[in-house]
Amino acid sequence: MFLECSARIYEFGEAFLHSKVVTVDGGLALVGSANMDTRSFRINFELSLLLYDGEVTGQLVREFDRTLERSVEVLPRTRADASLLRDFGEGLCRVLSPLL
């Protein structure tokens, strides 16, 4: 769906990255592990930190760029080649996600 809307998606195969980082205009950053859902906040007690610091935000952007260089872009044709088993597994996870 996102690929059809011209979004660019990358896979990082070296490790599992659960953190979320949002930067705005080089001076504001939101960093944390929380998804924006009830389970993250009320059950898992995950947090995010809002930073208003240009230097720290710049460091986060540079680290993201280094990670992106070591990642592989997911292309529409790659996604089209996904196996039936993978599609089934992803669909099952979507259905069960409220329970996970």
PDB file of N, CA and C in Angstrom:
ATOM      1  N   MET A   1       0.819  -1.184   0.000  1.00  0.00           N
ATOM      2  CA  MET A   1       0.000   0.000   0.000  1.00  0.00           C
ATOM      3  C   MET A   1       0.870   1.258   0.000  1.00  0.00           C
ATOM      4  N   PHE A   2       1.858   1.339   0.897  1.00  0.00           N
ATOM      5  CA  PHE A   2       2.704   2.521   0.946  1.00  0.00           C
ATOM      6  C   PHE A   2       3.527   2.672  -0.325  1.00  0.00           C
ATOM      7  N   LEU A   3       4.019   1.546  -0.861  1.00  0.00           N
ATOM      8  CA  LEU A   3       4.813   1.609  -2.078  1.00  0.00           C
ATOM      9  C   LEU A   3       3.998   2.150  -3.245  1.00  0.00           C
ATOM     10  N   GLU A   4       2.711   1.854  -3.245  1.00  0.00           N
ATOM     11  CA  GLU A   4       1.832   2.351  -4.310  1.00  0.00           C
ATOM     12  C   GLU A   4       1.630   3.856  -4.213  1.00  0.00           C
ATOM     13  N   CYS A   5       1.913   4.428  -3.047  1.00  0.00           N
ATOM     14  CA  CYS A   5       1.742   5.874  -2.813  1.00  0.00           C
ATOM     15  C   CYS A   5       3.077   6.603  -2.893  1.00  0.00           C
ATOM     16  N   SER A   6       4.082   5.964  -3.488  1.00  0.00           N
ATOM     17  CA  SER A   6       5.417   6.547  -3.678  1.00  0.00           C
ATOM     18  C   SER A   6       6.234   6.690  -2.402  1.00  0.00           C
ATOM     19  N   ALA A   7       5.850   5.990  -1.328  1.00  0.00           N
ATOM     20  CA  ALA A   7       6.677   5.978  -0.121  1.00  0.00           C
ATOM     21  C   ALA A   7       7.903   5.120  -0.388  1.00  0.00           C
ATOM     22  N   ARG A   8       8.983   5.401   0.310  1.00  0.00           N
ATOM     23  CA  ARG A   8      10.197   4.595   0.190  1.00  0.00           C
ATOM     24  C   ARG A   8      10.374   3.834   1.497  1.00  0.00           C
ATOM     25  N   ILE A   9      10.546   2.525   1.379  1.00  0.00           N
ATOM     26  CA  ILE A   9      10.675   1.641   2.540  1.00  0.00           C
ATOM     27  C   ILE A   9      12.017   0.927   2.442  1.00  0.00           C
ATOM     28  N   TYR A  10      12.703   0.836   3.584  1.00  0.00           N
ATOM     29  CA  TYR A  10      14.000   0.173   3.631  1.00  0.00           C
ATOM     30  C   TYR A  10      13.979  -0.903   4.705  1.00  0.00           C
ATOM     31  N   GLU A  11      14.698  -1.995   4.434  1.00  0.00           N
ATOM     32  CA  GLU A  11      14.857  -3.062   5.413  1.00  0.00           C
ATOM     33  C   GLU A  11      16.291  -3.048   5.918  1.00  0.00           C
ATOM     34  N   PHE A  12      16.429  -3.095   7.239  1.00  0.00           N
ATOM     35  CA  PHE A  12      17.739  -3.132   7.877  1.00  0.00           C
ATOM     36  C   PHE A  12      17.933  -4.543   8.405  1.00  0.00           C
ATOM     37  N   GLY A  13      18.839  -5.292   7.796  1.00  0.00           N
ATOM     38  CA  GLY A  13      18.983  -6.704   8.111  1.00  0.00           C
ATOM     39  C   GLY A  13      19.966  -7.036   9.211  1.00  0.00           C
ATOM     40  N   GLU A  14      20.712  -6.049   9.711  1.00  0.00           N
ATOM     41  CA  GLU A  14      21.746  -6.339  10.700  1.00  0.00           C
ATOM     42  C   GLU A  14      21.191  -6.582  12.098  1.00  0.00           C
ATOM     43  N   ALA A  15      20.055  -5.984  12.402  1.00  0.00           N
ATOM     44  CA  ALA A  15      19.495  -6.099  13.744  1.00  0.00           C
ATOM     45  C   ALA A  15      18.026  -5.705  13.695  1.00  0.00           C
ATOM     46  N   PHE A  16      17.334  -5.954  14.791  1.00  0.00           N
ATOM     47  CA  PHE A  16      15.942  -5.526  14.916  1.00  0.00           C
ATOM     48  C   PHE A  16      15.946  -4.149  15.578  1.00  0.00           C
ATOM     49  N   LEU A  17      15.405  -3.163  14.896  1.00  0.00           N
ATOM     50  CA  LEU A  17      15.336  -1.807  15.439  1.00  0.00           C
ATOM     51  C   LEU A  17      13.896  -1.509  15.834  1.00  0.00           C
ATOM     52  N   HIS A  18      13.662  -1.332  17.115  1.00  0.00           N
ATOM     53  CA  HIS A  18      12.309  -1.057  17.595  1.00  0.00           C
ATOM     54  C   HIS A  18      12.099   0.427  17.865  1.00  0.00           C
ATOM     55  N   SER A  19      13.163   1.196  17.920  1.00  0.00           N
ATOM     56  CA  SER A  19      13.041   2.611  18.261  1.00  0.00           C
ATOM     57  C   SER A  19      12.387   3.394  17.124  1.00  0.00           C
ATOM     58  N   LYS A  20      11.758   4.461  17.518  1.00  0.00           N
ATOM     59  CA  LYS A  20      11.155   5.366  16.547  1.00  0.00           C
ATOM     60  C   LYS A  20      11.815   6.720  16.727  1.00  0.00           C
ATOM     61  N   VAL A  21      12.159   7.372  15.624  1.00  0.00           N
ATOM     62  CA  VAL A  21      12.770   8.694  15.659  1.00  0.00           C
ATOM     63  C   VAL A  21      12.074   9.563  14.622  1.00  0.00           C
ATOM     64  N   VAL A  22      11.617  10.712  15.062  1.00  0.00           N
ATOM     65  CA  VAL A  22      11.023  11.708  14.166  1.00  0.00           C
ATOM     66  C   VAL A  22      11.804  12.995  14.381  1.00  0.00           C
ATOM     67  N   THR A  23      12.287  13.599  13.294  1.00  0.00           N
ATOM     68  CA  THR A  23      12.965  14.883  13.418  1.00  0.00           C
ATOM     69  C   THR A  23      12.200  15.920  12.608  1.00  0.00           C
ATOM     70  N   VAL A  24      12.199  17.145  13.111  1.00  0.00           N
ATOM     71  CA  VAL A  24      11.474  18.233  12.454  1.00  0.00           C
ATOM     72  C   VAL A  24      12.395  19.438  12.331  1.00  0.00           C
ATOM     73  N   ASP A  25      12.658  19.848  11.115  1.00  0.00           N
ATOM     74  CA  ASP A  25      13.395  21.083  10.821  1.00  0.00           C
ATOM     75  C   ASP A  25      14.737  21.194  11.532  1.00  0.00           C
ATOM     76  N   GLY A  26      15.384  20.081  11.789  1.00  0.00           N
ATOM     77  CA  GLY A  26      16.717  20.101  12.362  1.00  0.00           C
ATOM     78  C   GLY A  26      16.825  20.569  13.794  1.00  0.00           C
ATOM     79  N   GLY A  27      15.703  20.795  14.474  1.00  0.00           N
ATOM     80  CA  GLY A  27      15.792  21.300  15.825  1.00  0.00           C
ATOM     81  C   GLY A  27      14.901  20.603  16.827  1.00  0.00           C
ATOM     82  N   LEU A  28      14.021  19.760  16.351  1.00  0.00           N
ATOM     83  CA  LEU A  28      13.063  19.085  17.218  1.00  0.00           C
ATOM     84  C   LEU A  28      13.097  17.596  16.901  1.00  0.00           C
ATOM     85  N   ALA A  29      13.094  16.773  17.930  1.00  0.00           N
ATOM     86  CA  ALA A  29      13.118  15.321  17.713  1.00  0.00           C
ATOM     87  C   ALA A  29      12.215  14.629  18.723  1.00  0.00           C
ATOM     88  N   LEU A  30      11.586  13.565  18.273  1.00  0.00           N
ATOM     89  CA  LEU A  30      10.799  12.678  19.127  1.00  0.00           C
ATOM     90  C   LEU A  30      11.463  11.315  19.040  1.00  0.00           C
ATOM     91  N   VAL A  31      11.905  10.774  20.175  1.00  0.00           N
ATOM     92  CA  VAL A  31      12.654   9.517  20.215  1.00  0.00           C
ATOM     93  C   VAL A  31      12.022   8.607  21.244  1.00  0.00           C
ATOM     94  N   GLY A  32      11.850   7.334  20.888  1.00  0.00           N
ATOM     95  CA  GLY A  32      11.323   6.388  21.858  1.00  0.00           C
ATOM     96  C   GLY A  32      11.028   5.046  21.238  1.00  0.00           C
ATOM     97  N   SER A  33      10.384   4.205  22.027  1.00  0.00           N
ATOM     98  CA  SER A  33      10.023   2.875  21.547  1.00  0.00           C
ATOM     99  C   SER A  33       8.519   2.743  21.339  1.00  0.00           C
ATOM    100  N   ALA A  34       7.763   3.718  21.788  1.00  0.00           N
ATOM    101  CA  ALA A  34       6.304   3.602  21.772  1.00  0.00           C
ATOM    102  C   ALA A  34       5.729   3.742  20.366  1.00  0.00           C
ATOM    103  N   ASN A  35       4.809   2.838  20.065  1.00  0.00           N
ATOM    104  CA  ASN A  35       3.933   3.029  18.924  1.00  0.00           C
ATOM    105  C   ASN A  35       2.823   3.956  19.414  1.00  0.00           C
ATOM    106  N   MET A  36       2.122   4.581  18.553  1.00  0.00           N
ATOM    107  CA  MET A  36       1.057   5.478  18.990  1.00  0.00           C
ATOM    108  C   MET A  36      -0.244   4.695  19.130  1.00  0.00           C
ATOM    109  N   ASP A  37      -0.260   3.788  20.113  1.00  0.00           N
ATOM    110  CA  ASP A  37      -1.455   2.994  20.371  1.00  0.00           C
ATOM    111  C   ASP A  37      -1.598   2.730  21.868  1.00  0.00           C
ATOM    112  N   THR A  38      -2.763   2.288  22.249  1.00  0.00           N
ATOM    113  CA  THR A  38      -3.067   2.046  23.662  1.00  0.00           C
ATOM    114  C   THR A  38      -2.159   0.992  24.267  1.00  0.00           C
ATOM    115  N   ARG A  39      -1.881  -0.067  23.517  1.00  0.00           N
ATOM    116  CA  ARG A  39      -1.068  -1.153  24.058  1.00  0.00           C
ATOM    117  C   ARG A  39       0.321  -0.655  24.451  1.00  0.00           C
ATOM    118  N   SER A  40       0.944   0.172  23.618  1.00  0.00           N
ATOM    119  CA  SER A  40       2.279   0.683  23.929  1.00  0.00           C
ATOM    120  C   SER A  40       2.287   1.510  25.199  1.00  0.00           C
ATOM    121  N   PHE A  41       1.283   2.353  25.378  1.00  0.00           N
ATOM    122  CA  PHE A  41       1.274   3.266  26.517  1.00  0.00           C
ATOM    123  C   PHE A  41       0.721   2.635  27.797  1.00  0.00           C
ATOM    124  N   ARG A  42      -0.354   1.880  27.695  1.00  0.00           N
ATOM    125  CA  ARG A  42      -1.034   1.396  28.900  1.00  0.00           C
ATOM    126  C   ARG A  42      -0.636  -0.010  29.339  1.00  0.00           C
ATOM    127  N   ILE A  43      -0.226  -0.849  28.398  1.00  0.00           N
ATOM    128  CA  ILE A  43       0.124  -2.222  28.754  1.00  0.00           C
ATOM    129  C   ILE A  43       1.641  -2.390  28.825  1.00  0.00           C
ATOM    130  N   ASN A  44       2.355  -1.913  27.802  1.00  0.00           N
ATOM    131  CA  ASN A  44       3.811  -2.079  27.755  1.00  0.00           C
ATOM    132  C   ASN A  44       4.562  -0.944  28.438  1.00  0.00           C
ATOM    133  N   PHE A  45       3.872   0.127  28.791  1.00  0.00           N
ATOM    134  CA  PHE A  45       4.478   1.273  29.466  1.00  0.00           C
ATOM    135  C   PHE A  45       5.675   1.837  28.698  1.00  0.00           C
ATOM    136  N   GLU A  46       5.536   1.915  27.380  1.00  0.00           N
ATOM    137  CA  GLU A  46       6.602   2.473  26.551  1.00  0.00           C
ATOM    138  C   GLU A  46       6.508   3.995  26.566  1.00  0.00           C
ATOM    139  N   LEU A  47       7.631   4.633  26.311  1.00  0.00           N
ATOM    140  CA  LEU A  47       7.711   6.085  26.380  1.00  0.00           C
ATOM    141  C   LEU A  47       8.366   6.661  25.134  1.00  0.00           C
ATOM    142  N   SER A  48       8.176   7.959  24.958  1.00  0.00           N
ATOM    143  CA  SER A  48       8.900   8.719  23.951  1.00  0.00           C
ATOM    144  C   SER A  48       9.379  10.002  24.594  1.00  0.00           C
ATOM    145  N   LEU A  49      10.457  10.534  24.077  1.00  0.00           N
ATOM    146  CA  LEU A  49      11.066  11.733  24.619  1.00  0.00           C
ATOM    147  C   LEU A  49      11.065  12.802  23.537  1.00  0.00           C
ATOM    148  N   LEU A  50      10.568  13.988  23.874  1.00  0.00           N
ATOM    149  CA  LEU A  50      10.567  15.125  22.960  1.00  0.00           C
ATOM    150  C   LEU A  50      11.789  15.978  23.268  1.00  0.00           C
ATOM    151  N   LEU A  51      12.633  16.172  22.258  1.00  0.00           N
ATOM    152  CA  LEU A  51      13.864  16.947  22.424  1.00  0.00           C
ATOM    153  C   LEU A  51      13.806  18.205  21.576  1.00  0.00           C
ATOM    154  N   TYR A  52      14.181  19.310  22.167  1.00  0.00           N
ATOM    155  CA  TYR A  52      14.266  20.565  21.437  1.00  0.00           C
ATOM    156  C   TYR A  52      15.720  21.017  21.492  1.00  0.00           C
ATOM    157  N   ASP A  53      16.534  20.395  20.638  1.00  0.00           N
ATOM    158  CA  ASP A  53      17.978  20.631  20.660  1.00  0.00           C
ATOM    159  C   ASP A  53      18.532  20.345  19.270  1.00  0.00           C
ATOM    160  N   GLY A  54      19.034  21.356  18.609  1.00  0.00           N
ATOM    161  CA  GLY A  54      19.540  21.198  17.250  1.00  0.00           C
ATOM    162  C   GLY A  54      20.718  20.267  17.144  1.00  0.00           C
ATOM    163  N   GLU A  55      21.611  20.283  18.126  1.00  0.00           N
ATOM    164  CA  GLU A  55      22.790  19.422  18.077  1.00  0.00           C
ATOM    165  C   GLU A  55      22.400  17.946  18.193  1.00  0.00           C
ATOM    166  N   VAL A  56      21.540  17.634  19.139  1.00  0.00           N
ATOM    167  CA  VAL A  56      21.096  16.245  19.319  1.00  0.00           C
ATOM    168  C   VAL A  56      20.290  15.792  18.104  1.00  0.00           C
ATOM    169  N   THR A  57      19.429  16.658  17.614  1.00  0.00           N
ATOM    170  CA  THR A  57      18.640  16.312  16.423  1.00  0.00           C
ATOM    171  C   THR A  57      19.557  16.032  15.239  1.00  0.00           C
ATOM    172  N   GLY A  58      20.599  16.827  15.071  1.00  0.00           N
ATOM    173  CA  GLY A  58      21.568  16.591  13.996  1.00  0.00           C
ATOM    174  C   GLY A  58      22.259  15.257  14.135  1.00  0.00           C
ATOM    175  N   GLN A  59      22.623  14.877  15.369  1.00  0.00           N
ATOM    176  CA  GLN A  59      23.239  13.574  15.601  1.00  0.00           C
ATOM    177  C   GLN A  59      22.287  12.443  15.227  1.00  0.00           C
ATOM    178  N   LEU A  60      21.016  12.611  15.562  1.00  0.00           N
ATOM    179  CA  LEU A  60      20.020  11.587  15.223  1.00  0.00           C
ATOM    180  C   LEU A  60      19.861  11.454  13.714  1.00  0.00           C
ATOM    181  N   VAL A  61      19.858  12.568  13.007  1.00  0.00           N
ATOM    182  CA  VAL A  61      19.734  12.538  11.542  1.00  0.00           C
ATOM    183  C   VAL A  61      20.951  11.852  10.933  1.00  0.00           C
ATOM    184  N   ARG A  62      22.148  12.172  11.419  1.00  0.00           N
ATOM    185  CA  ARG A  62      23.359  11.532  10.884  1.00  0.00           C
ATOM    186  C   ARG A  62      23.362  10.026  11.151  1.00  0.00           C
ATOM    187  N   GLU A  63      22.920   9.617  12.326  1.00  0.00           N
ATOM    188  CA  GLU A  63      22.847   8.186  12.642  1.00  0.00           C
ATOM    189  C   GLU A  63      21.822   7.484  11.751  1.00  0.00           C
ATOM    190  N   PHE A  64      20.695   8.141  11.507  1.00  0.00           N
ATOM    191  CA  PHE A  64      19.688   7.576  10.613  1.00  0.00           C
ATOM    192  C   PHE A  64      20.263   7.401   9.207  1.00  0.00           C
ATOM    193  N   ASP A  65      20.986   8.414   8.721  1.00  0.00           N
ATOM    194  CA  ASP A  65      21.582   8.328   7.387  1.00  0.00           C
ATOM    195  C   ASP A  65      22.578   7.182   7.296  1.00  0.00           C
ATOM    196  N   ARG A  66      23.378   6.973   8.354  1.00  0.00           N
ATOM    197  CA  ARG A  66      24.327   5.844   8.359  1.00  0.00           C
ATOM    198  C   ARG A  66      23.586   4.502   8.329  1.00  0.00           C
ATOM    199  N   THR A  67      22.503   4.410   9.069  1.00  0.00           N
ATOM    200  CA  THR A  67      21.699   3.184   9.075  1.00  0.00           C
ATOM    201  C   THR A  67      21.067   2.959   7.703  1.00  0.00           C
ATOM    202  N   LEU A  68      20.580   4.014   7.096  1.00  0.00           N
ATOM    203  CA  LEU A  68      19.950   3.915   5.780  1.00  0.00           C
ATOM    204  C   LEU A  68      20.934   3.426   4.718  1.00  0.00           C
ATOM    205  N   GLU A  69      22.194   3.851   4.833  1.00  0.00           N
ATOM    206  CA  GLU A  69      23.225   3.411   3.885  1.00  0.00           C
ATOM    207  C   GLU A  69      23.446   1.904   3.954  1.00  0.00           C
ATOM    208  N   ARG A  70      23.184   1.298   5.103  1.00  0.00           N
ATOM    209  CA  ARG A  70      23.379  -0.141   5.286  1.00  0.00           C
ATOM    210  C   ARG A  70      22.078  -0.924   5.123  1.00  0.00           C
ATOM    211  N   SER A  71      21.067  -0.280   4.600  1.00  0.00           N
ATOM    212  CA  SER A  71      19.749  -0.897   4.424  1.00  0.00           C
ATOM    213  C   SER A  71      19.480  -1.147   2.950  1.00  0.00           C
ATOM    214  N   VAL A  72      18.469  -1.951   2.689  1.00  0.00           N
ATOM    215  CA  VAL A  72      18.088  -2.295   1.316  1.00  0.00           C
ATOM    216  C   VAL A  72      16.681  -1.769   1.063  1.00  0.00           C
ATOM    217  N   GLU A  73      16.536  -1.043  -0.035  1.00  0.00           N
ATOM    218  CA  GLU A  73      15.223  -0.496  -0.362  1.00  0.00           C
ATOM    219  C   GLU A  73      14.278  -1.602  -0.837  1.00  0.00           C
ATOM    220  N   VAL A  74      13.069  -1.574  -0.345  1.00  0.00           N
ATOM    221  CA  VAL A  74      12.030  -2.508  -0.775  1.00  0.00           C
ATOM    222  C   VAL A  74      11.367  -1.899  -1.997  1.00  0.00           C
ATOM    223  N   LEU A  75      11.443  -2.593  -3.105  1.00  0.00           N
ATOM    224  CA  LEU A  75      10.870  -2.093  -4.353  1.00  0.00           C
ATOM    225  C   LEU A  75       9.557  -2.808  -4.648  1.00  0.00           C
ATOM    226  N   PRO A  76       8.667  -2.177  -5.411  1.00  0.00           N
ATOM    227  CA  PRO A  76       7.384  -2.831  -5.714  1.00  0.00           C
ATOM    228  C   PRO A  76       7.553  -4.226  -6.324  1.00  0.00           C
ATOM    229  N   ARG A  77       8.532  -4.398  -7.184  1.00  0.00           N
ATOM    230  CA  ARG A  77       8.722  -5.724  -7.801  1.00  0.00           C
ATOM    231  C   ARG A  77       9.202  -6.746  -6.774  1.00  0.00           C
ATOM    232  N   THR A  78       9.986  -6.311  -5.780  1.00  0.00           N
ATOM    233  CA  THR A  78      10.424  -7.199  -4.710  1.00  0.00           C
ATOM    234  C   THR A  78       9.224  -7.660  -3.902  1.00  0.00           C
ATOM    235  N   ARG A  79       8.362  -6.716  -3.600  1.00  0.00           N
ATOM    236  CA  ARG A  79       7.157  -7.023  -2.827  1.00  0.00           C
ATOM    237  C   ARG A  79       6.236  -7.941  -3.619  1.00  0.00           C
ATOM    238  N   ALA A  80       6.186  -7.774  -4.927  1.00  0.00           N
ATOM    239  CA  ALA A  80       5.327  -8.617  -5.770  1.00  0.00           C
ATOM    240  C   ALA A  80       5.812 -10.062  -5.768  1.00  0.00           C
ATOM    241  N   ASP A  81       7.104 -10.256  -5.514  1.00  0.00           N
ATOM    242  CA  ASP A  81       7.679 -11.603  -5.497  1.00  0.00           C
ATOM    243  C   ASP A  81       7.512 -12.310  -4.151  1.00  0.00           C
ATOM    244  N   ALA A  82       6.880 -11.656  -3.180  1.00  0.00           N
ATOM    245  CA  ALA A  82       6.708 -12.262  -1.856  1.00  0.00           C
ATOM    246  C   ALA A  82       5.918 -13.564  -1.976  1.00  0.00           C
ATOM    247  N   SER A  83       6.306 -14.530  -1.199  1.00  0.00           N
ATOM    248  CA  SER A  83       5.667 -15.839  -1.279  1.00  0.00           C
ATOM    249  C   SER A  83       4.263 -15.807  -0.683  1.00  0.00           C
ATOM    250  N   LEU A  84       3.475 -16.761  -1.071  1.00  0.00           N
ATOM    251  CA  LEU A  84       2.125 -16.909  -0.545  1.00  0.00           C
ATOM    252  C   LEU A  84       2.161 -17.131   0.958  1.00  0.00           C
ATOM    253  N   LEU A  85       3.135 -17.898   1.430  1.00  0.00           N
ATOM    254  CA  LEU A  85       3.275 -18.152   2.863  1.00  0.00           C
ATOM    255  C   LEU A  85       3.572 -16.861   3.628  1.00  0.00           C
ATOM    256  N   ARG A  86       4.445 -16.026   3.073  1.00  0.00           N
ATOM    257  CA  ARG A  86       4.753 -14.748   3.727  1.00  0.00           C
ATOM    258  C   ARG A  86       3.515 -13.849   3.755  1.00  0.00           C
ATOM    259  N   ASP A  87       2.792 -13.775   2.645  1.00  0.00           N
ATOM    260  CA  ASP A  87       1.566 -12.971   2.599  1.00  0.00           C
ATOM    261  C   ASP A  87       0.555 -13.469   3.627  1.00  0.00           C
ATOM    262  N   PHE A  88       0.432 -14.778   3.750  1.00  0.00           N
ATOM    263  CA  PHE A  88      -0.491 -15.350   4.729  1.00  0.00           C
ATOM    264  C   PHE A  88      -0.065 -14.982   6.145  1.00  0.00           C
ATOM    265  N   GLY A  89       1.235 -15.128   6.434  1.00  0.00           N
ATOM    266  CA  GLY A  89       1.760 -14.806   7.755  1.00  0.00           C
ATOM    267  C   GLY A  89       1.561 -13.342   8.112  1.00  0.00           C
ATOM    268  N   GLU A  90       1.802 -12.449   7.162  1.00  0.00           N
ATOM    269  CA  GLU A  90       1.610 -11.022   7.420  1.00  0.00           C
ATOM    270  C   GLU A  90       0.132 -10.701   7.650  1.00  0.00           C
ATOM    271  N   GLY A  91      -0.739 -11.320   6.875  1.00  0.00           N
ATOM    272  CA  GLY A  91      -2.176 -11.118   7.060  1.00  0.00           C
ATOM    273  C   GLY A  91      -2.642 -11.617   8.416  1.00  0.00           C
ATOM    274  N   LEU A  92      -2.132 -12.766   8.815  1.00  0.00           N
ATOM    275  CA  LEU A  92      -2.481 -13.325  10.120  1.00  0.00           C
ATOM    276  C   LEU A  92      -2.016 -12.399  11.248  1.00  0.00           C
ATOM    277  N   CYS A  93      -0.817 -11.875  11.123  1.00  0.00           N
ATOM    278  CA  CYS A  93      -0.310 -10.940  12.144  1.00  0.00           C
ATOM    279  C   CYS A  93      -1.161  -9.676  12.217  1.00  0.00           C
ATOM    280  N   ARG A  94      -1.632  -9.195  11.072  1.00  0.00           N
ATOM    281  CA  ARG A  94      -2.498  -8.006  11.091  1.00  0.00           C
ATOM    282  C   ARG A  94      -3.785  -8.289  11.853  1.00  0.00           C
ATOM    283  N   VAL A  95      -4.363  -9.474  11.624  1.00  0.00           N
ATOM    284  CA  VAL A  95      -5.611  -9.837  12.297  1.00  0.00           C
ATOM    285  C   VAL A  95      -5.389 -10.000  13.803  1.00  0.00           C
ATOM    286  N   LEU A  96      -4.271 -10.611  14.169  1.00  0.00           N
ATOM    287  CA  LEU A  96      -3.990 -10.888  15.579  1.00  0.00           C
ATOM    288  C   LEU A  96      -3.319  -9.735  16.309  1.00  0.00           C
ATOM    289  N   SER A  97      -2.922  -8.675  15.613  1.00  0.00           N
ATOM    290  CA  SER A  97      -2.160  -7.606  16.240  1.00  0.00           C
ATOM    291  C   SER A  97      -2.814  -6.996  17.480  1.00  0.00           C
ATOM    292  N   PRO A  98      -4.138  -6.871  17.553  1.00  0.00           N
ATOM    293  CA  PRO A  98      -4.703  -6.342  18.797  1.00  0.00           C
ATOM    294  C   PRO A  98      -4.454  -7.245  20.004  1.00  0.00           C
ATOM    295  N   LEU A  99      -4.192  -8.515  19.776  1.00  0.00           N
ATOM    296  CA  LEU A  99      -3.994  -9.461  20.871  1.00  0.00           C
ATOM    297  C   LEU A  99      -2.534  -9.647  21.235  1.00  0.00           C
ATOM    298  N   LEU A 100      -1.630  -9.222  20.353  1.00  0.00           N
ATOM    299  CA  LEU A 100      -0.195  -9.471  20.582  1.00  0.00           C
ATOM    300  C   LEU A 100       0.398  -8.494  21.570  1.00  0.00           C
TER     301      LEU A 100
END
